[in-house]
Amino acid sequence: MKPLSLIGIALVVLGLLSLVVPIPHSEHEGFSAGGMSMGVDTHHSETVSPIISAAMILGGAGILIVRKGRKPSSL
C-alpha cells in the first residue's frame, strides 16, 4: 500500500473518531499566599468541531479517490 493511501485512510479514520471521542481537558485556577494555597481543578471533555471532522473525512476520501484514479506510471 502506498504512503499516500495510508494518509488518506488515516484522515478518514481520525475524522470519524473525532466525531464521537471526546478530548479531555483540565484547568487549574488558584492562588498562593504565604504558606497557604487554594485552587480549583476543573475537567472538561469536548469533541472536535464537526466542521473540522468533516474536512478531515472529505480530505481523506479525496486523497483516496485521486489515488485510485491515477494510472501507475510505467518506465
Protein backbone atom coordinates (compact mmCIF):
# COMPACT_ATOMS: atom_id res chain seq x y z
CA MET A 1 0.00 0.00 0.00
CA LYS A 2 1.32 3.41 -0.96
CA PRO A 3 2.07 6.06 1.69
CA LEU A 4 -0.47 8.46 0.19
CA SER A 5 -3.21 5.84 0.56
CA LEU A 6 -2.22 5.31 4.19
CA ILE A 7 -2.50 9.06 4.83
CA GLY A 8 -5.96 9.09 3.23
CA ILE A 9 -7.15 6.15 5.33
CA ALA A 10 -5.71 7.71 8.49
CA LEU A 11 -7.51 11.01 7.80
CA VAL A 12 -10.84 9.26 7.27
CA VAL A 13 -10.46 7.19 10.46
CA LEU A 14 -9.35 10.18 12.55
CA GLY A 15 -12.20 12.27 11.16
CA LEU A 16 -14.77 9.63 12.11
CA LEU A 17 -13.26 9.15 15.56
CA SER A 18 -13.17 12.90 16.21
CA LEU A 19 -16.96 13.00 15.83
CA VAL A 20 -17.57 10.68 18.78
CA VAL A 21 -14.49 10.54 21.02
CA PRO A 22 -14.24 13.47 23.46
CA ILE A 23 -10.87 15.06 24.17
CA PRO A 24 -10.26 15.55 27.91
CA HIS A 25 -9.10 18.99 29.05
CA SER A 26 -8.33 20.12 32.60
CA GLU A 27 -7.62 23.53 34.09
CA HIS A 28 -6.24 24.63 37.43
CA GLU A 29 -7.03 28.05 38.83
CA GLY A 30 -5.82 29.17 42.20
CA PHE A 31 -3.57 31.39 44.25
CA SER A 32 -0.93 31.15 46.96
CA ALA A 33 -0.50 33.48 49.93
CA GLY A 34 2.31 32.77 52.35
CA GLY A 35 2.18 29.10 53.30
CA MET A 36 -1.42 28.67 52.18
CA SER A 37 -2.68 27.86 48.71
CA MET A 38 -6.19 27.45 47.37
CA GLY A 39 -7.27 26.26 43.99
CA VAL A 40 -9.95 24.70 41.87
CA ASP A 41 -9.41 21.95 39.32
CA THR A 42 -11.95 21.68 36.52
CA HIS A 43 -12.17 18.88 33.97
CA HIS A 44 -13.90 19.17 30.60
CA SER A 45 -14.47 16.72 27.77
CA GLU A 46 -15.10 18.31 24.40
CA THR A 47 -15.37 16.87 20.92
CA VAL A 48 -13.75 18.43 17.89
CA SER A 49 -15.88 20.79 15.81
CA PRO A 50 -17.99 18.93 13.23
CA ILE A 51 -16.61 21.22 10.53
CA ILE A 52 -13.05 20.08 11.26
CA SER A 53 -14.17 16.43 11.36
CA ALA A 54 -15.95 16.81 8.02
CA ALA A 55 -12.87 18.45 6.48
CA MET A 56 -10.69 15.55 7.65
CA ILE A 57 -13.12 12.95 6.29
CA LEU A 58 -13.53 14.72 2.94
CA GLY A 59 -9.80 15.32 2.64
CA GLY A 60 -9.00 11.66 3.29
CA ALA A 61 -11.70 10.49 0.90
CA GLY A 62 -10.42 12.93 -1.72
CA ILE A 63 -6.90 11.56 -1.40
CA LEU A 64 -8.17 8.00 -1.77
CA ILE A 65 -10.29 8.87 -4.82
CA VAL A 66 -7.47 10.75 -6.55
CA ARG A 67 -5.06 7.96 -5.69
CA LYS A 68 -7.42 5.31 -7.12
CA GLY A 69 -7.99 7.28 -10.34
CA ARG A 70 -4.31 7.58 -11.17
CA LYS A 71 -2.77 5.14 -13.55
CA PRO A 72 0.52 3.62 -12.44
CA SER A 73 3.43 5.11 -14.33
CA SER A 74 5.41 2.64 -16.37
CA LEU A 75 9.09 3.16 -17.08
